[in-house]
């Protein structure tokens, strides 16, 4: 839906639009879309001409860097870089900068000429210290593929932005793909906020009720379960070290398997799922692994995860929307029987499938009773997530529809969440209780302490999303404005009034130019006649002195403007008469939409760069958000001015070649189709994992124009509130 919306706002023909207006959306797994994926932007992008060799250069020096630490009292730092896992950041120290300069052979990394190289070094440092293979991404067939933190699934086609993906590719030694330039973008959050009415369903929304209410104006209502819940949720079991935890998990899985109770082992990463699988392989426990690497067998693995003694090791892939049937799925079992007989299930005769299905149902019914007697499905989670919702989703795989079941979390003080957020308090509590090595602690007090740590992380993430949304709202309004203008021009058959009406863009532009160079408030002998004539010739294809017979020494500024406009309209009417109204309207639409697309693309790039550096104004005791709003508004106004100027110049300078009108219309339609095909072939549809922006060598050197004061046009009301036009009031004499 999001990409349809973006593509619709890049089209030229109303007949090719696919999406209607936004009235009512019902979202399945609503917390995943509106909370977890809220900050994920949908991006339509095209390849830039960015060079990639500098990423290899930066990657070669990072392994020589040593991690340092900062003394909170003395503020003295050691080592080459500081790693803050809690805030997911990694930065060079002064010593690290000096080492980088020495290794790269540059005198000053912060010299403007070396800013590109500095950026690559910073991204390479992040790639090596914050992003792990088989956790944040996997490498398949020479390609780095992102793993979704929340679902554990591969995110095919998506790339981290701002050079991070290229840095990871350099780290893994695969081919570095070029960066992309954003052509159109919107976050899922802003897309769904466009709907007049919004609703959704999920089993884990209660913990995020405040955010649903604050951000989306949605109330969270809990619907009672269809049947009473009899699942048993055990207290967390905590060990001191990771080896102790993995030993305990392996032992418990073996006991459950021997007992005949199916178990789903939940892990947070591909790496951990394979670690558990390797341990089970050594002790001879049969098992299935479901992670991003083996996703093609997902349906089959999940279907049989509830069978007697089944052991399934899964990442978050099995944590949402998965229904595990106790005893197994008879249809899948029947297919297995057919495969053993070397019969393709898709080609099997109905009688053959029916025969195997009846046999499978007898087995499943018998196993169902045995599994229920053994205690139902056991969820054995190996780590707590930052979000309680993800934990609750995993718990929810057991005890469905009134079935028995149990859940347990087996943790260690060396787990990421414990180590980063709750380790010290829990460790001191365990020491106070006199814990010995190899002995676990199972306490509701400790579980509550961990839950408090999760709540703190959730609150921090909520505040971050809320703060970033304020920045997004600025861009959202600009997007709505530009897409609204674009849709108006595409849908309306008549563009003449918009262009050359009394309040059209060409008329207003001429008034601005006349006021700028022939200010009526100053003496004519100081008018910049030469520049004015050149601008008029360039934009309107009219020579004021020759075509409009203007005598600058005898006429007032308004009379000159009227004479130029009269001649410009006459020439435009001549073009319309020559090519026909229908052909000219088609040209107008094609040219105006092309110019809007081009200017909007450049504006997105400028806004990305503004967003990257706006935090620095805080050092000047200014509010970055206020400054961002002000500067982005000025940049948006400048873009609208450029659209008006380029549109007027393009249309008034059209070269007319008289052809059959129908032939000309067909040629224009062919042009639009060819453009659409080229666009489709040259674009990469990417959902970047951050809004840091798309970088290109030329783009990074581009500095957005920033106006000190809002621009007031000559014919607009003066800002002083007098009611007069600006050129007649405070603008007089400028």
Foldseek 3Di string as FASTA:
>chain_A
DVVLVFVLLQAQAPVPRDDDAFAEDAAEQVCCLQPVQQFWKWFWWFFDPFDQVLLLVLLVCLVVWDEWDADPVVRDIDTQWYAAQLVLAIGGDPVVQVSVCVSSVHDHCPDPVNVVSVLSNRLLNSLVPRDDEQFQWHADPLATWGQRQQQQATDPQFAAFPCNRSNNSSNVVGDRDGFIFTLDMDGSNLVNLSYPYYYYDFPFCVLVQVLCCPRRVDGDDDDDAPDDFAEAEFFAKEAADDVLLLVVVLVVLVVQLVLFAQEEEEESGSVVLVVSVVSCVVVVQDAEEDGNVPPVCVVVRQQCSQFGSYYYYYYSNCLGPRARQHLGDLQSQLCVVCVVVVHHPVPDDPVSSVVSSVVSVVSSVVRNVSNLVSFTYEYEYADDDLAVSSVVSSVVNTRHPNGGYYYYYYYHCPDPLNVNFPNPVVVVVCVVVPDDHSHIDGDVVVSVSSVVSSSVSVVVSSVVVVVVVLLVVLVSVLVCVLSVVLVVLSPDLDCCCCDQNCPHLVLLVLVLLLCVQQPQLDDLVRGPVVVSQVLLCQQLVARLCPQLVDDSVPDHSVVSSVSSSVSSVVLLVVLCVQQPVNLLSLVLSVQLSVLSSVLVSLLLLQLLLLVLPLVVCVVVVDDSSVVSSQQSVQLSVVSVNVSSRSSSSPSSPDDHDHDDNVVSVVVSVVVSVVVVVVSVVRIRGYRHPRSSRHDRPVSNVDHGDGDPDRDFGQQDQDPVPPRHGCSVPVVRPD
